[in-house]
Protein backbone atom coordinates (compact mmCIF):
# COMPACT_ATOMS: atom_id res chain seq x y z
CA UNK A 1 0.00 0.00 0.00
CA UNK A 2 1.44 3.33 -1.11
CA UNK A 3 1.41 6.01 1.53
CA UNK A 4 2.01 9.65 0.73
CA UNK A 5 2.56 12.27 3.42
CA UNK A 6 2.74 15.96 2.55
CA UNK A 7 4.41 18.58 4.71
CA UNK A 8 5.63 22.16 4.51
CA UNK A 9 2.38 24.04 4.21
CA UNK A 10 1.62 27.15 6.20
CA UNK A 11 0.79 30.84 6.14
CA UNK A 12 2.90 33.16 4.02
CA UNK A 13 2.57 36.70 2.73
CA UNK A 14 2.07 37.42 -0.94
CA UNK A 15 5.39 37.36 -2.75
CA UNK A 16 6.84 34.84 -0.34
CA UNK A 17 7.94 31.25 -0.80
CA UNK A 18 7.16 27.82 0.57
CA UNK A 19 8.56 24.39 -0.14
CA UNK A 20 6.25 21.42 0.10
CA UNK A 21 7.48 17.86 0.48
CA UNK A 22 5.71 14.58 -0.15
CA UNK A 23 7.31 11.48 1.33
CA UNK A 24 6.32 8.14 -0.13
CA UNK A 25 6.47 4.72 1.49
CA UNK A 26 5.27 1.23 0.70
CA UNK A 27 6.40 1.39 -2.91
CA UNK A 28 9.35 1.47 -5.26
CA UNK A 29 9.25 5.22 -5.63
CA UNK A 30 11.26 5.33 -8.84
CA UNK A 31 8.47 3.40 -10.59
CA UNK A 32 5.98 6.20 -9.97
CA UNK A 33 5.00 9.32 -11.83
CA UNK A 34 4.10 12.04 -9.34
CA UNK A 35 1.81 15.02 -9.41
CA UNK A 36 0.79 17.95 -7.26
CA UNK A 37 -2.81 19.13 -7.21
CA UNK A 38 -4.63 21.76 -5.21
CA UNK A 39 -8.14 22.46 -4.08
CA UNK A 40 -9.39 25.86 -3.01
CA UNK A 41 -12.57 26.24 -0.92
CA UNK A 42 -15.66 25.63 -3.01
CA UNK A 43 -13.70 24.58 -6.07
CA UNK A 44 -12.64 21.30 -7.63
CA UNK A 45 -9.21 19.76 -7.37
CA UNK A 46 -6.91 21.10 -10.07
CA UNK A 47 -3.62 20.04 -11.56
CA UNK A 48 -0.60 22.04 -10.50
CA UNK A 49 2.34 20.09 -11.88
CA UNK A 50 3.65 16.64 -12.65
CA UNK A 51 6.99 14.88 -12.94
CA UNK A 52 8.24 11.78 -14.74
CA UNK A 53 9.64 8.92 -12.63
CA UNK A 54 13.16 9.92 -13.63
CA UNK A 55 12.65 13.62 -13.02
CA UNK A 56 13.56 14.25 -16.61
CA UNK A 57 10.20 15.61 -17.69
CA UNK A 58 7.88 18.02 -15.92
CA UNK A 59 4.66 19.87 -16.69
CA UNK A 60 2.96 22.85 -15.08
CA UNK A 61 -0.41 24.51 -15.08
CA UNK A 62 -0.27 27.90 -16.79
CA UNK A 63 -1.25 29.59 -13.53
CA UNK A 64 1.96 28.49 -11.79
CA UNK A 65 4.43 28.27 -14.67
CA UNK A 66 7.57 30.25 -13.90
CA UNK A 67 6.77 30.46 -10.17
CA UNK A 68 6.57 26.83 -9.04
CA UNK A 69 9.14 24.07 -9.50
CA UNK A 70 8.58 20.36 -9.03
CA UNK A 71 11.49 18.05 -8.34
CA UNK A 72 12.11 14.64 -6.86
CA UNK A 73 14.79 12.71 -5.03
CA UNK A 74 14.31 9.01 -5.69
CA UNK A 75 16.94 8.10 -3.12
CA UNK A 76 14.82 9.82 -0.47
CA UNK A 77 11.43 8.70 -1.84
CA UNK A 78 10.36 12.33 -1.87
CA UNK A 79 8.87 14.79 -4.32
CA UNK A 80 9.09 18.53 -3.72
CA UNK A 81 7.17 21.60 -4.77
CA UNK A 82 9.07 24.87 -4.53
CA UNK A 83 6.58 27.72 -4.64
CA UNK A 84 7.91 31.25 -5.20
CA UNK A 85 6.20 34.58 -5.78
CA UNK A 86 3.10 33.27 -4.08
CA UNK A 87 -0.22 34.98 -4.68
CA UNK A 88 -3.42 34.96 -2.61
CA UNK A 89 -5.06 32.90 -5.35
CA UNK A 90 -2.56 30.11 -4.61
CA UNK A 91 -4.37 29.54 -1.30
CA UNK A 92 -5.57 25.93 -1.25
CA UNK A 93 -5.02 22.49 0.17
CA UNK A 94 -2.16 20.93 -1.79
CA UNK A 95 -2.13 17.21 -2.48
CA UNK A 96 0.51 14.96 -3.93
CA UNK A 97 -0.51 12.03 -6.08
CA UNK A 98 1.24 8.96 -7.45
CA UNK A 99 0.74 6.51 -10.28
CA UNK A 100 2.91 3.50 -11.08
CA UNK A 101 4.02 4.27 -14.60
CA UNK A 102 7.24 4.35 -16.55
CA UNK A 103 5.64 4.80 -19.96
CA UNK A 104 3.28 7.71 -19.31
CA UNK A 105 5.28 10.65 -18.04
CA UNK A 106 2.54 12.35 -16.00
CA UNK A 107 -1.09 13.37 -16.34
CA UNK A 108 -3.16 16.46 -15.66
CA UNK A 109 -6.17 14.28 -14.82
CA UNK A 110 -7.04 13.50 -11.20
CA UNK A 111 -8.56 10.22 -12.39
CA UNK A 112 -5.23 8.90 -13.67
CA UNK A 113 -3.57 8.90 -10.24
CA UNK A 114 -4.55 6.19 -7.79
CA UNK A 115 -2.62 7.18 -4.68
CA UNK A 116 -3.16 10.43 -2.79
CA UNK A 117 -1.81 12.12 0.28
CA UNK A 118 -3.94 13.78 2.95
CA UNK A 119 -3.07 17.29 1.82
CA UNK A 120 -1.35 20.27 3.37
CA UNK A 121 -2.86 23.74 3.71
CA UNK A 122 -1.19 26.70 2.03
CA UNK A 123 -2.54 30.15 2.85
CA UNK A 124 -1.22 33.27 1.15
CA UNK A 125 -2.20 36.57 2.71
CA UNK A 126 -2.41 39.79 0.73
């Protein structure tokens, strides 16, 4: 059973930075494509970014491109989300997601991933 645990959320002022981590256990982490999603109050869960099992390919939502960076350390079974130049509209619960795949690099669809963390709250004040 894959377990994903996010950490690093918190309250930050607009323009600030946060780094989220997602630690995986119960799996061979390097076999998994990983994604970050977020869900703001009253809205659906949306794709933020994704990363290939090797780290060699990434994708971002237009709303975060140039401000957020996804990376992974397969030796530490961890995927990271560096968030810079944060805006109030980035306020949401952030979730990491995993899918065992070496052929499909990542997906923007929540339905493709079959393992989810519990989420971590990010609040950006104006």
